[in-house]
Amino acid sequence: MDIEGLGWSLVDQLVETKLVRDVADLYALTVEQLAGLERMAEKSATNVVTAIAASKDRELWRLLHGLGITHVGEEAARKLAAHFGSLDKLAGASVEELDKP
């Protein structure tokens, strides 16, 4: 999702402390939770929370690509987003709809 300040070491800490169990948990993080982590001051925590919130406004294809779905690279993600237009429509698509070239 290209979230500024959310590097591997921070992700590792979030998983180890069980603050994050899946990607959706990132969006529930608070400044207070992040500020309590190693090498994370309140200003840095605020910046990360702001960057996470900003990632909600990214294009659909970026979300699809960021999920790391096997065989869904940038091009496939762009095509899926263009065809379905929303995550809800994509999630509700049948196997037949997804299998169309």
Protein backbone atom coordinates (compact mmCIF):
# COMPACT_ATOMS: atom_id res chain seq x y z
CA MET A 1 0.00 0.00 0.00
CA ASP A 2 3.08 2.21 -0.09
CA ILE A 3 2.70 3.50 3.48
CA GLU A 4 5.46 5.95 4.40
CA GLY A 5 7.27 4.95 7.60
CA LEU A 6 5.90 1.41 7.68
CA GLY A 7 9.05 -0.60 7.11
CA TRP A 8 9.90 -4.24 7.82
CA SER A 9 11.28 -3.60 11.32
CA LEU A 10 8.10 -1.80 12.39
CA VAL A 11 5.92 -4.49 10.83
CA ASP A 12 7.93 -7.14 12.69
CA GLN A 13 7.35 -5.31 15.99
CA LEU A 14 3.65 -4.93 15.29
CA VAL A 15 3.29 -8.65 14.61
CA GLU A 16 5.48 -9.68 17.59
CA THR A 17 3.44 -7.52 19.97
CA LYS A 18 0.22 -8.85 18.41
CA LEU A 19 -0.97 -5.34 17.55
CA VAL A 20 -1.33 -6.54 13.96
CA ARG A 21 -2.52 -9.99 12.96
CA ASP A 22 -3.62 -9.12 9.42
CA VAL A 23 -3.49 -6.11 7.10
CA ALA A 24 -6.84 -4.77 8.31
CA ASP A 25 -5.40 -4.36 11.83
CA LEU A 26 -3.09 -1.62 10.53
CA TYR A 27 -6.10 0.66 10.11
CA ALA A 28 -7.05 0.38 13.78
CA LEU A 29 -3.63 1.36 15.15
CA THR A 30 -3.42 4.44 17.35
CA VAL A 31 -0.62 6.91 17.98
CA GLU A 32 -0.46 5.67 21.59
CA GLN A 33 0.03 2.04 20.51
CA LEU A 34 2.78 2.94 18.08
CA ALA A 35 4.52 5.38 20.42
CA GLY A 36 4.95 2.54 22.92
CA LEU A 37 7.10 0.55 20.48
CA GLU A 38 10.88 0.46 20.33
CA ARG A 39 12.46 3.42 18.48
CA MET A 40 9.06 5.04 17.94
CA ALA A 41 8.53 8.53 19.34
CA GLU A 42 5.14 10.26 19.36
CA LYS A 43 5.97 12.36 16.27
CA SER A 44 6.98 9.26 14.29
CA ALA A 45 3.88 7.42 15.50
CA THR A 46 1.69 10.32 14.41
CA ASN A 47 3.33 10.32 10.97
CA VAL A 48 2.74 6.58 10.54
CA VAL A 49 -0.92 6.82 11.60
CA THR A 50 -1.38 9.72 9.16
CA ALA A 51 0.28 7.74 6.35
CA ILE A 52 -1.92 4.71 7.09
CA ALA A 53 -5.03 6.89 6.93
CA ALA A 54 -3.85 8.41 3.62
CA SER A 55 -3.46 4.92 2.15
CA LYS A 56 -7.24 4.51 2.29
CA ASP A 57 -7.51 6.91 -0.65
CA ARG A 58 -5.21 4.97 -2.98
CA GLU A 59 -6.47 3.63 -6.28
CA LEU A 60 -8.17 0.20 -6.20
CA TRP A 61 -5.48 -1.44 -8.33
CA ARG A 62 -2.84 -0.45 -5.76
CA LEU A 63 -4.83 -2.20 -3.04
CA LEU A 64 -5.24 -5.32 -5.15
CA HIS A 65 -1.55 -5.37 -6.03
CA GLY A 66 -0.57 -4.68 -2.41
CA LEU A 67 -2.50 -7.70 -1.15
CA GLY A 68 0.12 -9.95 -2.70
CA ILE A 69 -2.33 -12.32 -4.35
CA THR A 70 -0.52 -15.04 -6.29
CA HIS A 71 -0.41 -14.26 -10.03
CA VAL A 72 -1.93 -10.80 -9.53
CA GLY A 73 0.78 -8.36 -10.46
CA GLU A 74 0.44 -4.70 -11.29
CA GLU A 75 -1.03 -5.29 -14.76
CA ALA A 76 -3.63 -7.83 -13.60
CA ALA A 77 -4.54 -5.59 -10.66
CA ARG A 78 -5.09 -2.65 -13.03
CA LYS A 79 -7.29 -4.77 -15.32
CA LEU A 80 -9.37 -6.13 -12.42
CA ALA A 81 -9.86 -2.64 -11.00
CA ALA A 82 -10.83 -1.22 -14.39
CA HIS A 83 -13.28 -4.04 -15.10
CA PHE A 84 -15.02 -4.26 -11.72
CA GLY A 85 -14.62 -0.67 -10.55
CA SER A 86 -14.97 -1.41 -6.84
CA LEU A 87 -13.78 -3.89 -4.26
CA ASP A 88 -17.38 -4.85 -3.46
CA LYS A 89 -18.09 -5.77 -7.08
CA LEU A 90 -14.86 -7.72 -7.33
CA ALA A 91 -15.55 -9.56 -4.07
CA GLY A 92 -19.02 -10.47 -5.32
CA ALA A 93 -17.82 -11.71 -8.70
CA SER A 94 -18.44 -15.33 -9.62
CA VAL A 95 -15.69 -17.69 -10.70
CA GLU A 96 -17.02 -17.41 -14.24
CA GLU A 97 -16.78 -13.61 -14.17
CA LEU A 98 -13.22 -13.78 -12.87
CA ASP A 99 -12.23 -16.38 -15.43
CA LYS A 100 -13.22 -14.26 -18.44
CA PRO A 101 -10.26 -13.04 -20.51
